[in-house]
Amino acid sequence: MREKSLHDVDDDYTCVDLNRAGVPLIEMVTEPDLRSGEEAYAYLTEVRKLLRYLEVCDGNMEEGSMRCDANISIRKKGDTKLGTKVEVKNLNSIRNVKRAIEWEAKRLIELVEAGSPIIQQTRSFDATNGTTFALRTKEEANDYRYFADPDLTPFRISEEMLKSIQEQLPELPEQKIQRYQSAFGLPEYDARVICDEKETSTYFEAILSALPPNASKESNTTRAKAAANWILGPIKSWLNDNSLSISNFELPAASIASLISLIEEGKLNFSVASSRVFPALIKDPKAIPLEMATNMNLIQVSDEGDVANWVDQVLNSMPDKVAEYKKGKKGLIGLFVGEVKKISKGKADPKITNDLLLKKLQS
């Protein structure tokens, strides 16, 4: 357990915040296996993800839930022994860890190339200008005044204990990513973005659970991709625009499942569902998607007779464009589809519209 030291409150003194004195501290020390600020950034990102998935803590470095001290040393190409290390203390963001390592590595290289000695130091990082500065010099381990505590008994971890802990662990991010790819057929990119935060993967699975059962594996894959598209598209966009996380998203997963079902049934298309119904549901999260779409007069018309009537109106009003199309200007199909959409106020089923247009234009 430890208190929190504050180095930027007073110009002359280090202040101590005792409010954290009763908070348990877990310290992880790695071997010198990381070779760049980029690798350290990736490592800390994964550690934070695990902490959040296991609900150990929120991992917010800015709030002190997780901190990092970076030991940096360099060696010339071909050398097997690392040079004198410096330690940069109490870095308060993963980005600043990367910046501090990159700056300090550059500083150490410049010292070596200038023929200057590297002094073992504890340093701090100035995030405003991206540089480090010395706090104190360390020589040997005995400067830390280490001594054995006779009241601490050895804590031995057996293989059985490790196995028992592993068996109790929930599904971890990498396992979840693999399952989303194998069970749902999601692309790796989609699976990784969804699993980046536990709350996002929970919302994704809640959408799938709210969909009516379907025995077809192909259909389930299509639905999973549809759910992923909603999360990575409209939902993520809205959250970014409003500077919110998905844990603050009030629209129930069941509502997104209903929109997916309405699109499956041909009652809505994705464009209308995402641009018209979705924003309306966000304003009224308790509303039923089908009722909302019906009240907004957005339910798609799939009756072939009605769509054929709109198609005829468009083609009859544009004989010159029809003639151009039949002479080879096939790109005009988009114009005809757009006009049908306009006179139907977006209610004409796009697939039926396209099929009927092609059929009539080829006759």
Protein backbone atom coordinates (compact mmCIF):
# COMPACT_ATOMS: atom_id res chain seq x y z
CA MET A 1 0.00 0.00 0.00
CA ARG A 2 1.25 3.49 -0.71
CA GLU A 3 0.44 7.16 -0.59
CA LYS A 4 0.50 9.39 -3.64
CA SER A 5 3.38 11.84 -4.11
CA LEU A 6 2.58 15.14 -5.84
CA HIS A 7 5.56 16.86 -7.44
CA ASP A 8 3.81 19.70 -9.27
CA VAL A 9 1.76 21.32 -6.50
CA ASP A 10 4.59 23.22 -4.78
CA ASP A 11 7.76 24.56 -6.39
CA ASP A 12 9.97 23.67 -3.41
CA TYR A 13 8.41 20.59 -1.85
CA THR A 14 6.97 17.20 -2.74
CA CYS A 15 3.47 16.93 -1.28
CA VAL A 16 2.00 13.69 -0.02
CA ASP A 17 -1.63 12.68 -0.55
CA LEU A 18 -2.47 10.16 2.17
CA ASN A 19 -5.93 9.43 0.74
CA ARG A 20 -4.42 6.48 -1.16
CA ALA A 21 -2.50 5.08 1.81
CA GLY A 22 -4.98 2.20 2.18
CA VAL A 23 -5.13 1.31 -1.51
CA PRO A 24 -3.39 -1.99 -2.40
CA LEU A 25 -0.54 -1.69 -4.87
CA ILE A 26 0.43 -4.39 -7.36
CA GLU A 27 3.79 -3.82 -9.01
CA MET A 28 4.74 -5.55 -12.23
CA VAL A 29 8.42 -5.59 -13.23
CA THR A 30 9.32 -6.76 -16.73
CA GLU A 31 12.58 -8.12 -18.06
CA PRO A 32 14.42 -5.68 -20.38
CA ASP A 33 12.55 -7.07 -23.39
CA LEU A 34 10.95 -3.92 -24.79
CA ARG A 35 12.93 -2.26 -27.54
CA SER A 36 11.06 0.99 -28.24
CA GLY A 37 8.52 3.46 -26.96
CA GLU A 38 6.06 1.94 -29.43
CA GLU A 39 6.45 -1.52 -27.85
CA ALA A 40 6.02 -0.06 -24.36
CA TYR A 41 2.85 1.70 -25.56
CA ALA A 42 1.44 -1.56 -26.94
CA TYR A 43 2.38 -3.48 -23.77
CA LEU A 44 0.71 -0.98 -21.42
CA THR A 45 -2.38 -0.85 -23.63
CA GLU A 46 -2.77 -4.63 -23.30
CA VAL A 47 -2.13 -4.53 -19.53
CA ARG A 48 -4.82 -1.87 -19.11
CA LYS A 49 -7.25 -3.89 -21.23
CA LEU A 50 -6.69 -6.96 -19.03
CA LEU A 51 -7.17 -4.92 -15.84
CA ARG A 52 -10.49 -3.66 -17.16
CA TYR A 53 -11.68 -7.05 -18.41
CA LEU A 54 -10.85 -8.63 -15.04
CA GLU A 55 -12.37 -5.62 -13.22
CA VAL A 56 -9.23 -5.14 -11.14
CA CYS A 57 -9.43 -1.38 -11.70
CA ASP A 58 -10.31 1.09 -14.44
CA GLY A 59 -6.64 1.46 -15.46
CA ASN A 60 -6.94 5.24 -15.88
CA MET A 61 -3.36 6.46 -15.61
CA GLU A 62 -4.42 10.11 -15.42
CA GLU A 63 -6.30 9.34 -12.19
CA GLY A 64 -3.50 7.27 -10.67
CA SER A 65 -5.25 3.89 -11.05
CA MET A 66 -2.25 2.74 -13.05
CA ARG A 67 1.21 4.27 -13.25
CA CYS A 68 4.41 3.43 -15.07
CA ASP A 69 8.09 3.96 -14.28
CA ALA A 70 10.26 3.42 -17.36
CA ASN A 71 13.87 2.25 -17.13
CA ILE A 72 15.75 3.23 -20.27
CA SER A 73 19.21 2.20 -21.41
CA ILE A 74 20.96 1.91 -24.74
CA ARG A 75 23.76 -0.14 -26.27
CA LYS A 76 25.72 0.05 -29.47
CA LYS A 77 24.85 -2.32 -32.28
CA GLY A 78 26.62 -5.62 -31.70
CA ASP A 79 27.08 -5.09 -27.95
CA THR A 80 25.48 -7.67 -25.66
CA LYS A 81 25.44 -5.60 -22.47
CA LEU A 82 23.03 -2.74 -21.90
CA GLY A 83 24.46 0.59 -20.84
CA THR A 84 23.80 2.59 -17.68
CA LYS A 85 20.08 2.98 -17.10
CA VAL A 86 18.01 6.00 -16.17
CA GLU A 87 14.53 5.78 -14.67
CA VAL A 88 11.66 8.09 -15.60
CA LYS A 89 9.15 8.10 -12.75
CA ASN A 90 5.39 8.43 -12.38
CA LEU A 91 4.36 8.76 -16.00
CA ASN A 92 0.64 9.51 -16.04
CA SER A 93 -0.50 8.39 -19.49
CA ILE A 94 0.38 5.64 -21.95
CA ARG A 95 1.13 8.26 -24.58
CA ASN A 96 3.54 10.02 -22.23
CA VAL A 97 5.34 6.74 -21.55
CA LYS A 98 6.02 6.46 -25.27
CA ARG A 99 7.09 10.10 -25.53
CA ALA A 100 9.37 9.89 -22.48
CA ILE A 101 11.13 6.74 -23.73
CA GLU A 102 11.67 8.20 -27.18
CA TRP A 103 13.05 11.46 -25.78
CA GLU A 104 15.28 9.75 -23.23
CA ALA A 105 16.68 7.27 -25.76
CA LYS A 106 17.55 10.19 -28.03
CA ARG A 107 19.22 12.05 -25.13
CA LEU A 108 21.29 9.00 -24.13
CA ILE A 109 22.43 8.39 -27.72
CA GLU A 110 23.53 12.01 -28.01
CA LEU A 111 25.53 11.70 -24.77
CA VAL A 112 27.31 8.55 -25.94
CA GLU A 113 28.07 9.99 -29.36
CA ALA A 114 29.50 13.10 -27.70
CA GLY A 115 31.75 10.95 -25.50
CA SER A 116 29.95 12.01 -22.30
CA PRO A 117 29.22 9.57 -19.45
CA ILE A 118 25.68 8.46 -18.66
CA ILE A 119 24.81 9.05 -15.00
CA GLN A 120 22.33 6.68 -13.34
CA GLN A 121 19.45 8.96 -12.44
CA THR A 122 15.83 9.19 -11.52
CA ARG A 123 14.17 11.62 -13.89
CA SER A 124 10.71 13.08 -14.46
CA PHE A 125 8.88 13.93 -17.66
CA ASP A 126 7.61 17.38 -18.63
CA ALA A 127 4.55 16.68 -20.78
CA THR A 128 4.31 20.31 -21.93
CA ASN A 129 7.55 20.21 -23.93
CA GLY A 130 8.17 16.45 -24.17
CA THR A 131 11.50 16.46 -22.31
CA THR A 132 12.84 14.80 -19.15
CA PHE A 133 14.72 16.40 -16.25
CA ALA A 134 16.77 15.01 -13.36
CA LEU A 135 15.20 14.48 -9.93
CA ARG A 136 18.02 12.69 -8.14
CA THR A 137 21.12 10.59 -8.81
CA LYS A 138 21.33 6.93 -7.84
CA GLU A 139 24.56 5.02 -7.52
CA GLU A 140 24.15 1.48 -6.20
CA ALA A 141 21.36 -0.67 -4.79
CA ASN A 142 22.46 0.07 -1.21
CA ASP A 143 21.48 3.71 -1.75
CA TYR A 144 17.90 2.49 -1.54
CA ARG A 145 18.60 1.19 2.00
CA TYR A 146 17.04 -2.18 1.29
CA PHE A 147 16.82 -4.56 4.24
CA ALA A 148 15.10 -7.86 4.85
CA ASP A 149 11.81 -7.75 6.77
CA PRO A 150 11.90 -10.60 9.31
CA ASP A 151 8.10 -10.56 9.71
CA LEU A 152 7.36 -11.40 6.09
CA THR A 153 7.00 -15.11 5.43
CA PRO A 154 7.80 -16.60 2.01
CA PHE A 155 4.85 -16.78 -0.37
CA ARG A 156 5.16 -19.82 -2.58
CA ILE A 157 3.01 -20.13 -5.70
CA SER A 158 2.41 -23.70 -6.84
CA GLU A 159 1.47 -24.90 -10.31
CA GLU A 160 -1.83 -26.13 -8.85
CA MET A 161 -2.60 -22.65 -7.55
CA LEU A 162 -1.85 -21.08 -10.94
CA LYS A 163 -4.01 -23.65 -12.72
CA SER A 164 -6.89 -23.01 -10.31
CA ILE A 165 -6.70 -19.26 -10.94
CA GLN A 166 -6.57 -19.76 -14.71
CA GLU A 167 -9.67 -21.96 -14.60
CA GLN A 168 -11.60 -19.20 -12.83
CA LEU A 169 -10.63 -16.47 -15.26
CA PRO A 170 -13.34 -15.09 -17.56
CA GLU A 171 -12.86 -15.07 -21.32
CA LEU A 172 -9.94 -12.73 -22.00
CA PRO A 173 -9.71 -10.30 -24.95
CA GLU A 174 -7.56 -12.44 -27.25
CA GLN A 175 -9.78 -15.48 -26.65
CA LYS A 176 -12.85 -13.40 -27.39
CA ILE A 177 -11.31 -12.05 -30.59
CA GLN A 178 -10.59 -15.59 -31.80
CA ARG A 179 -14.14 -16.70 -30.95
CA TYR A 180 -15.72 -13.78 -32.80
CA GLN A 181 -13.72 -14.70 -35.89
CA SER A 182 -14.41 -18.44 -35.75
CA ALA A 183 -17.99 -18.48 -34.45
CA PHE A 184 -19.34 -15.33 -36.12
CA GLY A 185 -17.05 -14.99 -39.13
CA LEU A 186 -16.10 -11.42 -38.21
CA PRO A 187 -13.02 -9.91 -39.86
CA GLU A 188 -10.09 -9.60 -37.45
CA TYR A 189 -10.29 -5.79 -37.54
CA ASP A 190 -13.96 -5.78 -36.47
CA ALA A 191 -13.32 -8.32 -33.72
CA ARG A 192 -10.37 -6.38 -32.30
CA VAL A 193 -12.16 -3.03 -32.26
CA ILE A 194 -15.24 -4.55 -30.59
CA CYS A 195 -13.08 -6.32 -27.98
CA ASP A 196 -10.97 -3.25 -27.28
CA GLU A 197 -13.33 -2.40 -24.41
CA LYS A 198 -15.22 -4.96 -22.38
CA GLU A 199 -18.39 -2.83 -22.42
CA THR A 200 -18.39 -2.78 -26.25
CA SER A 201 -18.11 -6.56 -26.54
CA THR A 202 -20.86 -6.94 -23.91
CA TYR A 203 -23.15 -4.64 -25.95
CA PHE A 204 -22.32 -6.56 -29.14
CA GLU A 205 -23.27 -9.88 -27.57
CA ALA A 206 -26.43 -8.34 -26.08
CA ILE A 207 -27.52 -7.36 -29.61
CA LEU A 208 -27.00 -10.92 -30.85
CA SER A 209 -28.88 -12.36 -27.84
CA ALA A 210 -31.85 -10.06 -28.51
CA LEU A 211 -32.23 -11.23 -32.12
CA PRO A 212 -34.80 -13.98 -32.76
CA PRO A 213 -33.18 -17.44 -33.07
CA ASN A 214 -32.10 -18.62 -36.48
CA ALA A 215 -30.69 -22.07 -37.24
CA SER A 216 -28.78 -20.94 -40.32
CA LYS A 217 -25.06 -20.43 -39.70
CA GLU A 218 -24.88 -18.17 -42.75
CA SER A 219 -27.70 -16.02 -41.37
CA ASN A 220 -26.06 -15.82 -37.96
CA THR A 221 -22.81 -14.69 -39.59
CA THR A 222 -24.73 -12.01 -41.52
CA ARG A 223 -26.41 -10.86 -38.32
CA ALA A 224 -23.12 -10.71 -36.42
CA LYS A 225 -21.64 -8.59 -39.20
CA ALA A 226 -24.73 -6.37 -39.13
CA ALA A 227 -24.36 -5.91 -35.35
CA ALA A 228 -20.66 -5.11 -35.81
CA ASN A 229 -21.51 -2.58 -38.53
CA TRP A 230 -23.94 -0.81 -36.21
CA ILE A 231 -21.36 -0.63 -33.42
CA LEU A 232 -18.45 0.44 -35.63
CA GLY A 233 -20.63 2.79 -37.68
CA PRO A 234 -23.57 4.82 -36.33
CA ILE A 235 -23.03 4.00 -32.64
CA LYS A 236 -19.30 4.72 -32.59
CA SER A 237 -19.81 7.87 -34.63
CA TRP A 238 -22.46 9.17 -32.23
CA LEU A 239 -20.33 8.35 -29.18
CA ASN A 240 -17.31 10.13 -30.69
CA ASP A 241 -19.38 13.19 -31.60
CA ASN A 242 -20.66 13.38 -28.03
CA SER A 243 -17.35 12.44 -26.32
CA LEU A 244 -18.97 9.48 -24.57
CA SER A 245 -18.09 5.83 -24.03
CA ILE A 246 -20.48 2.98 -24.73
CA SER A 247 -21.05 2.58 -20.98
CA ASN A 248 -22.93 5.91 -21.23
CA PHE A 249 -24.99 4.81 -24.23
CA GLU A 250 -28.64 4.66 -23.18
CA LEU A 251 -30.19 2.97 -26.23
CA PRO A 252 -30.85 -0.70 -25.32
CA ALA A 253 -29.10 -3.37 -27.36
CA ALA A 254 -32.56 -4.82 -28.05
CA SER A 255 -33.43 -1.70 -30.05
CA ILE A 256 -30.46 -2.23 -32.36
CA ALA A 257 -31.49 -5.89 -32.68
CA SER A 258 -34.99 -4.72 -33.71
CA LEU A 259 -33.52 -2.43 -36.37
CA ILE A 260 -31.47 -5.34 -37.74
CA SER A 261 -34.64 -7.49 -37.86
CA LEU A 262 -36.61 -4.74 -39.62
CA ILE A 263 -33.88 -4.51 -42.26
CA GLU A 264 -33.86 -8.32 -42.61
CA GLU A 265 -37.63 -8.27 -43.14
CA GLY A 266 -37.36 -5.57 -45.81
CA LYS A 267 -39.33 -3.04 -43.76
CA LEU A 268 -36.37 -0.64 -43.53
CA ASN A 269 -33.07 -0.22 -45.32
CA PHE A 270 -29.85 0.53 -43.46
CA SER A 271 -29.59 4.07 -44.78
CA VAL A 272 -33.03 5.09 -43.47
CA ALA A 273 -32.60 3.09 -40.25
CA SER A 274 -29.26 4.70 -39.41
CA SER A 275 -29.92 8.25 -40.57
CA ARG A 276 -33.58 8.67 -39.54
CA VAL A 277 -34.78 6.06 -37.04
CA PHE A 278 -31.54 5.70 -35.02
CA PRO A 279 -31.28 9.43 -34.10
CA ALA A 280 -34.98 9.43 -33.15
CA LEU A 281 -34.48 6.41 -30.89
CA ILE A 282 -31.52 8.04 -29.16
CA LYS A 283 -33.80 10.93 -28.21
CA ASP A 284 -36.43 8.47 -26.97
CA PRO A 285 -34.55 5.30 -25.89
CA LYS A 286 -37.69 3.62 -24.56
CA ALA A 287 -39.51 3.83 -27.91
CA ILE A 288 -40.21 0.67 -29.93
CA PRO A 289 -38.27 0.83 -33.25
CA LEU A 290 -41.14 -0.52 -35.40
CA GLU A 291 -43.62 1.95 -33.91
CA MET A 292 -41.10 4.78 -34.29
CA ALA A 293 -40.49 3.96 -37.97
CA THR A 294 -44.23 3.58 -38.61
CA ASN A 295 -45.05 6.91 -36.98
CA MET A 296 -42.32 8.56 -39.06
CA ASN A 297 -43.89 7.01 -42.20
CA LEU A 298 -40.63 5.24 -43.04
CA ILE A 299 -41.74 1.62 -43.34
CA GLN A 300 -40.52 0.34 -46.68
CA VAL A 301 -43.03 -0.69 -49.34
CA SER A 302 -42.25 -4.15 -50.67
CA ASP A 303 -45.45 -4.59 -52.66
CA GLU A 304 -44.28 -5.07 -56.24
CA GLY A 305 -47.39 -3.39 -57.66
CA ASP A 306 -46.83 -0.16 -55.71
CA VAL A 307 -43.14 -0.06 -56.58
CA ALA A 308 -43.91 -0.77 -60.25
CA ASN A 309 -46.27 2.22 -60.27
CA TRP A 310 -43.49 4.54 -58.99
CA VAL A 311 -41.04 3.07 -61.51
CA ASP A 312 -43.47 3.71 -64.38
CA GLN A 313 -43.99 7.31 -63.22
CA VAL A 314 -40.25 7.94 -63.27
CA LEU A 315 -39.59 6.31 -66.64
CA ASN A 316 -42.57 8.01 -68.28
CA SER A 317 -41.40 11.41 -67.05
CA MET A 318 -37.85 10.97 -68.41
CA PRO A 319 -38.14 9.56 -71.98
CA ASP A 320 -34.89 11.25 -73.10
CA LYS A 321 -32.91 9.64 -70.27
CA VAL A 322 -34.53 6.27 -71.00
CA ALA A 323 -33.39 6.58 -74.63
CA GLU A 324 -29.84 7.44 -73.51
CA TYR A 325 -29.80 4.43 -71.19
CA LYS A 326 -30.88 2.10 -74.02
CA LYS A 327 -28.09 3.51 -76.20
CA GLY A 328 -25.52 2.38 -73.65
CA LYS A 329 -25.41 5.01 -70.90
CA LYS A 330 -25.93 2.41 -68.15
CA GLY A 331 -24.82 4.77 -65.36
CA LEU A 332 -28.24 6.43 -65.56
CA ILE A 333 -29.69 3.57 -63.51
CA GLY A 334 -28.59 5.48 -60.41
CA LEU A 335 -30.62 8.51 -61.51
CA PHE A 336 -33.75 6.39 -61.98
CA VAL A 337 -33.31 4.71 -58.58
CA GLY A 338 -32.88 8.12 -56.97
CA GLU A 339 -36.04 9.46 -58.58
CA VAL A 340 -38.08 6.43 -57.43
CA LYS A 341 -36.72 6.97 -53.94
CA LYS A 342 -37.71 10.64 -54.13
CA ILE A 343 -41.32 10.17 -55.25
CA SER A 344 -41.82 7.26 -52.84
CA LYS A 345 -40.33 9.39 -50.03
CA GLY A 346 -37.74 6.70 -49.45
CA LYS A 347 -40.29 3.95 -48.91
CA ALA A 348 -39.70 1.90 -52.09
CA ASP A 349 -37.78 -1.32 -51.47
CA PRO A 350 -34.37 -0.71 -53.13
CA LYS A 351 -33.91 -4.29 -54.38
CA ILE A 352 -37.39 -4.48 -55.91
CA THR A 353 -36.89 -1.00 -57.37
CA ASN A 354 -33.61 -1.98 -59.00
CA ASP A 355 -35.00 -5.28 -60.35
CA LEU A 356 -38.09 -3.63 -61.86
CA LEU A 357 -36.07 -0.79 -63.44
CA LEU A 358 -33.69 -3.23 -65.12
CA LYS A 359 -36.59 -5.36 -66.32
CA LYS A 360 -38.53 -2.41 -67.79
CA LEU A 361 -35.47 -0.74 -69.33
CA GLN A 362 -34.48 -3.96 -71.09
CA SER A 363 -37.94 -4.48 -72.61
